[in-house]
N, C-alpha and C. Protein backbone atom coordinates (compact mmCIF):
# COMPACT_ATOMS: atom_id res chain seq x y z
N MET A 1 -6.59 -0.71 11.93
CA MET A 1 -6.05 -0.45 10.54
C MET A 1 -4.37 -0.50 10.75
N LYS A 2 -3.98 -1.06 9.60
CA LYS A 2 -2.28 -1.31 9.51
C LYS A 2 -1.60 0.23 9.28
N LYS A 3 -0.63 0.48 10.05
CA LYS A 3 0.23 1.75 9.75
C LYS A 3 1.10 1.67 8.51
N ILE A 4 0.97 2.26 7.69
CA ILE A 4 1.78 2.35 6.29
C ILE A 4 3.17 3.07 6.39
N ASN A 5 3.94 2.52 6.10
CA ASN A 5 5.33 3.13 6.06
C ASN A 5 5.49 4.11 4.90
N PHE A 6 6.00 5.25 5.11
CA PHE A 6 6.19 6.17 3.97
C PHE A 6 6.77 5.75 2.59
N LEU A 7 7.54 4.70 2.73
CA LEU A 7 7.96 4.18 1.43
C LEU A 7 7.09 3.25 0.81
N ASP A 8 5.91 2.83 1.49
CA ASP A 8 5.04 1.87 0.55
C ASP A 8 4.07 2.55 -0.17
N THR A 9 3.90 3.97 -0.13
CA THR A 9 2.96 4.48 -0.97
C THR A 9 3.47 4.72 -2.29
N VAL A 10 4.88 4.94 -2.49
CA VAL A 10 5.53 4.96 -3.72
C VAL A 10 6.02 3.78 -4.31
N ILE A 11 5.47 3.07 -5.04
CA ILE A 11 6.05 1.77 -5.65
C ILE A 11 7.29 1.94 -6.49
N HIS A 12 7.25 2.56 -7.69
CA HIS A 12 8.35 2.66 -8.25
C HIS A 12 8.07 3.96 -9.27
N PRO A 13 9.14 4.41 -9.95
CA PRO A 13 9.22 5.34 -11.06
C PRO A 13 8.65 4.80 -12.35
N ILE A 14 7.90 5.37 -13.17
CA ILE A 14 7.61 5.14 -14.65
C ILE A 14 8.43 5.62 -15.59
N ILE A 15 9.24 4.94 -16.25
CA ILE A 15 10.47 5.60 -17.11
C ILE A 15 10.00 4.98 -18.50
N THR A 16 9.32 6.14 -19.37
CA THR A 16 8.98 5.90 -20.59
C THR A 16 9.55 6.93 -21.49
N GLU A 17 9.16 7.05 -22.79
CA GLU A 17 9.55 8.25 -23.49
C GLU A 17 8.82 9.47 -23.26
N LYS A 18 7.57 9.23 -23.02
CA LYS A 18 6.77 10.31 -22.52
C LYS A 18 7.15 10.99 -21.21
N ALA A 19 7.49 9.94 -20.26
CA ALA A 19 7.92 10.46 -18.88
C ALA A 19 9.29 11.24 -19.00
N THR A 20 10.24 10.75 -19.64
CA THR A 20 11.36 11.31 -19.81
C THR A 20 11.35 12.71 -20.36
N SER A 21 10.52 12.86 -21.43
CA SER A 21 10.30 14.24 -21.99
C SER A 21 9.69 15.30 -21.09
N LEU A 22 8.80 14.61 -20.17
CA LEU A 22 8.28 15.58 -19.02
C LEU A 22 9.31 15.87 -17.91
N SER A 23 10.33 15.34 -17.89
CA SER A 23 11.36 15.73 -16.84
C SER A 23 12.06 16.87 -17.25
N GLU A 24 11.99 17.56 -18.66
CA GLU A 24 12.30 18.84 -18.90
C GLU A 24 11.88 19.97 -18.26
N ASN A 25 10.43 19.41 -17.93
CA ASN A 25 9.67 20.47 -17.15
C ASN A 25 9.48 20.40 -15.87
N ASN A 26 10.42 19.69 -15.31
CA ASN A 26 10.51 19.32 -13.80
C ASN A 26 9.39 18.59 -13.32
N LYS A 27 9.10 17.59 -14.04
CA LYS A 27 7.93 16.57 -13.72
C LYS A 27 8.41 15.21 -13.74
N VAL A 28 7.90 14.34 -12.76
CA VAL A 28 8.59 13.09 -12.75
C VAL A 28 7.10 12.33 -12.31
N VAL A 29 7.09 10.86 -13.09
CA VAL A 29 5.96 10.14 -12.91
C VAL A 29 6.42 8.80 -12.06
N PHE A 30 5.41 8.55 -11.20
CA PHE A 30 5.68 7.52 -10.10
C PHE A 30 4.46 6.62 -10.13
N LYS A 31 4.66 5.22 -10.14
CA LYS A 31 3.38 4.52 -9.72
C LYS A 31 3.13 4.36 -8.13
N VAL A 32 2.03 4.57 -7.87
CA VAL A 32 1.55 4.66 -6.46
C VAL A 32 0.60 3.75 -6.01
N ARG A 33 0.40 3.72 -4.68
CA ARG A 33 -0.66 2.62 -4.28
C ARG A 33 -2.11 3.40 -4.82
N ASP A 34 -3.05 2.31 -4.76
CA ASP A 34 -4.17 2.73 -5.24
C ASP A 34 -5.10 3.69 -4.34
N ASP A 35 -4.81 3.53 -2.81
CA ASP A 35 -5.45 4.35 -1.90
C ASP A 35 -4.48 5.49 -1.28
N ALA A 36 -3.64 5.87 -2.18
CA ALA A 36 -2.87 7.03 -1.93
C ALA A 36 -3.37 8.25 -2.15
N SER A 37 -3.62 9.20 -1.32
CA SER A 37 -3.91 10.61 -1.56
C SER A 37 -3.06 11.59 -2.30
N LYS A 38 -3.21 12.87 -2.74
CA LYS A 38 -2.22 13.75 -3.09
C LYS A 38 -1.37 14.27 -2.06
N LYS A 39 -2.05 14.51 -0.79
CA LYS A 39 -1.09 14.86 0.18
C LYS A 39 -0.40 13.85 0.89
N THR A 40 -0.61 12.68 0.77
CA THR A 40 0.38 11.66 1.30
C THR A 40 1.42 11.45 0.23
N ILE A 41 1.04 11.68 -0.99
CA ILE A 41 2.05 11.50 -2.10
C ILE A 41 3.38 12.61 -2.14
N LYS A 42 2.58 13.94 -1.92
CA LYS A 42 3.36 14.91 -1.70
C LYS A 42 4.33 14.91 -0.60
N LYS A 43 3.89 14.47 0.49
CA LYS A 43 4.62 14.59 1.74
C LYS A 43 5.64 13.39 1.74
N ASN A 44 5.49 12.16 1.09
CA ASN A 44 6.37 11.21 1.10
C ASN A 44 7.41 11.47 0.00
N ILE A 45 7.16 12.07 -1.22
CA ILE A 45 8.26 12.16 -2.13
C ILE A 45 9.22 13.27 -1.50
N GLU A 46 8.68 14.34 -0.78
CA GLU A 46 9.64 15.21 -0.27
C GLU A 46 10.33 14.47 0.64
N LYS A 47 9.81 13.59 1.71
CA LYS A 47 10.62 12.85 2.45
C LYS A 47 11.77 11.92 2.01
N ILE A 48 11.44 11.09 0.88
CA ILE A 48 12.23 10.38 0.34
C ILE A 48 13.43 10.81 -0.41
N PHE A 49 13.13 11.79 -1.39
CA PHE A 49 14.10 12.47 -2.30
C PHE A 49 14.65 13.82 -1.82
N LYS A 50 13.95 14.46 -0.86
CA LYS A 50 14.33 15.84 -0.24
C LYS A 50 14.37 16.65 -1.33
N VAL A 51 13.19 16.93 -1.96
CA VAL A 51 12.98 17.98 -2.97
C VAL A 51 11.62 18.69 -2.58
N ASN A 52 11.33 19.86 -3.16
CA ASN A 52 10.06 20.58 -2.84
C ASN A 52 9.13 20.35 -3.91
N VAL A 53 7.89 19.87 -3.54
CA VAL A 53 7.07 19.26 -4.51
C VAL A 53 6.05 20.57 -4.63
N ILE A 54 5.48 20.97 -5.78
CA ILE A 54 4.59 21.89 -6.22
C ILE A 54 3.27 21.55 -6.20
N LYS A 55 3.10 20.61 -7.03
CA LYS A 55 1.65 20.04 -7.54
C LYS A 55 1.86 18.65 -7.61
N VAL A 56 0.75 17.70 -7.40
CA VAL A 56 0.60 16.30 -7.71
C VAL A 56 -0.61 16.11 -8.40
N ASN A 57 -0.57 15.44 -9.66
CA ASN A 57 -1.61 15.02 -10.49
C ASN A 57 -1.80 13.67 -10.41
N THR A 58 -2.84 13.00 -10.09
CA THR A 58 -3.01 11.61 -10.10
C THR A 58 -3.93 11.04 -11.35
N ILE A 59 -3.55 9.90 -11.73
CA ILE A 59 -4.27 9.29 -13.09
C ILE A 59 -4.57 7.82 -12.64
N THR A 60 -5.88 7.37 -12.64
CA THR A 60 -6.39 5.87 -12.36
C THR A 60 -6.28 5.27 -13.65
N LYS A 61 -5.58 4.08 -13.83
CA LYS A 61 -5.59 3.37 -15.05
C LYS A 61 -6.52 2.28 -14.88
N LYS A 62 -7.67 2.25 -15.34
CA LYS A 62 -8.57 0.89 -14.98
C LYS A 62 -8.04 -0.24 -15.75
N SER A 63 -8.43 -1.41 -15.08
CA SER A 63 -8.10 -2.84 -15.57
C SER A 63 -8.80 -3.19 -16.85
N LYS A 64 -8.23 -3.84 -17.61
CA LYS A 64 -8.76 -4.22 -19.06
C LYS A 64 -8.83 -5.79 -19.11
N SER A 65 -10.02 -6.09 -19.78
CA SER A 65 -10.08 -7.75 -20.03
C SER A 65 -9.11 -7.80 -21.42
N LYS A 66 -8.54 -9.09 -21.36
CA LYS A 66 -7.89 -9.47 -22.55
C LYS A 66 -7.91 -11.04 -22.81
N ILE A 67 -8.05 -11.49 -23.99
CA ILE A 67 -8.11 -12.74 -24.32
C ILE A 67 -6.65 -13.58 -24.57
N ILE A 68 -6.51 -14.50 -23.82
CA ILE A 68 -5.10 -15.18 -24.02
C ILE A 68 -5.46 -16.69 -23.99
N ARG A 69 -5.18 -17.11 -25.16
CA ARG A 69 -5.28 -18.43 -25.68
C ARG A 69 -6.80 -19.11 -25.48
N GLY A 70 -7.79 -18.04 -25.83
CA GLY A 70 -9.16 -18.45 -25.76
C GLY A 70 -9.71 -18.28 -24.54
N LYS A 71 -8.83 -17.92 -23.50
CA LYS A 71 -9.55 -17.46 -21.94
C LYS A 71 -9.62 -16.02 -21.85
N ILE A 72 -10.55 -15.64 -20.95
CA ILE A 72 -10.32 -14.16 -20.67
C ILE A 72 -9.55 -13.92 -19.54
N GLY A 73 -8.65 -13.24 -19.68
CA GLY A 73 -7.69 -12.84 -18.69
C GLY A 73 -7.89 -11.10 -18.36
N TYR A 74 -7.21 -10.66 -17.22
CA TYR A 74 -7.26 -9.24 -16.94
C TYR A 74 -5.95 -8.59 -16.69
N LYS A 75 -5.89 -7.52 -17.29
CA LYS A 75 -4.73 -6.59 -16.99
C LYS A 75 -5.08 -5.68 -15.68
N LYS A 76 -4.26 -5.95 -14.95
CA LYS A 76 -4.56 -5.14 -13.67
C LYS A 76 -4.27 -3.63 -13.87
N GLY A 77 -5.24 -2.68 -13.19
CA GLY A 77 -5.28 -1.43 -13.40
C GLY A 77 -4.24 -0.90 -12.43
N TYR A 78 -3.90 0.31 -12.28
CA TYR A 78 -2.99 0.99 -11.31
C TYR A 78 -3.22 2.54 -11.13
N LYS A 79 -2.61 3.05 -10.20
CA LYS A 79 -2.71 4.64 -10.13
C LYS A 79 -1.18 5.20 -10.39
N LYS A 80 -1.23 6.23 -11.05
CA LYS A 80 0.12 6.85 -11.24
C LYS A 80 -0.15 8.31 -10.87
N ALA A 81 1.16 8.82 -10.26
CA ALA A 81 1.21 10.30 -10.15
C ALA A 81 2.22 10.96 -10.89
N LEU A 82 1.77 12.24 -11.29
CA LEU A 82 2.65 13.06 -12.07
C LEU A 82 2.98 14.32 -10.93
N VAL A 83 4.24 14.14 -10.48
CA VAL A 83 4.58 15.07 -9.71
C VAL A 83 5.43 16.33 -10.19
N THR A 84 5.05 17.55 -9.95
CA THR A 84 5.84 18.80 -10.33
C THR A 84 6.60 19.38 -9.20
N LEU A 85 8.03 19.52 -9.65
CA LEU A 85 8.94 19.81 -8.65
C LEU A 85 9.23 21.15 -8.86
N LYS A 86 10.00 22.05 -7.75
CA LYS A 86 10.17 23.36 -7.67
C LYS A 86 11.37 23.54 -8.71
N LYS A 87 11.40 24.73 -9.59
CA LYS A 87 12.26 25.04 -10.62
C LYS A 87 13.70 24.80 -10.19
N GLY A 88 14.61 24.16 -10.89
CA GLY A 88 15.74 23.96 -10.56
C GLY A 88 16.22 22.79 -9.71
N GLN A 89 14.93 21.97 -9.32
CA GLN A 89 15.18 20.74 -8.68
C GLN A 89 15.10 19.73 -9.59
N SER A 90 15.60 18.55 -9.29
CA SER A 90 15.25 17.23 -10.16
C SER A 90 15.64 16.05 -9.28
N ILE A 91 15.10 14.86 -9.57
CA ILE A 91 15.27 13.59 -9.20
C ILE A 91 15.92 12.82 -10.01
N ASP A 92 17.22 12.36 -9.61
CA ASP A 92 18.04 11.34 -10.47
C ASP A 92 17.42 9.99 -10.18
N LEU A 93 16.67 9.22 -11.17
CA LEU A 93 15.98 8.10 -10.90
C LEU A 93 16.92 6.83 -11.35
N ALA A 94 18.25 7.14 -11.82
CA ALA A 94 19.49 6.16 -12.25
C ALA A 94 19.91 5.66 -10.90
N THR A 95 20.20 6.59 -9.88
CA THR A 95 20.81 6.27 -8.63
C THR A 95 20.02 5.48 -7.57
N GLY A 96 18.68 5.75 -7.65
CA GLY A 96 17.82 5.09 -6.87
C GLY A 96 17.76 5.54 -5.36
N VAL A 97 17.13 4.94 -4.51
CA VAL A 97 16.87 5.67 -3.23
C VAL A 97 18.27 5.55 -2.29
């Protein structure tokens, strides 16, 4: 089995209106690999951003079929993680890693 780097599990942050409103409650949303577990997500977020993670919730978005110009295509599904940080801590997504 191939060893996975800790930077590979977290793909990128999800920046939407709902995700930015959650940042007021010390929560950040990330797109993660499909095979990532909550423990590995927690450990990797703490390593990358040097914050304390209290809780990790994961949501799996399923793929959807879509008709494009008369042919059936698919929108790929993905997994996202809702990470709750310790009170008083935050992640500045504008600066990057």
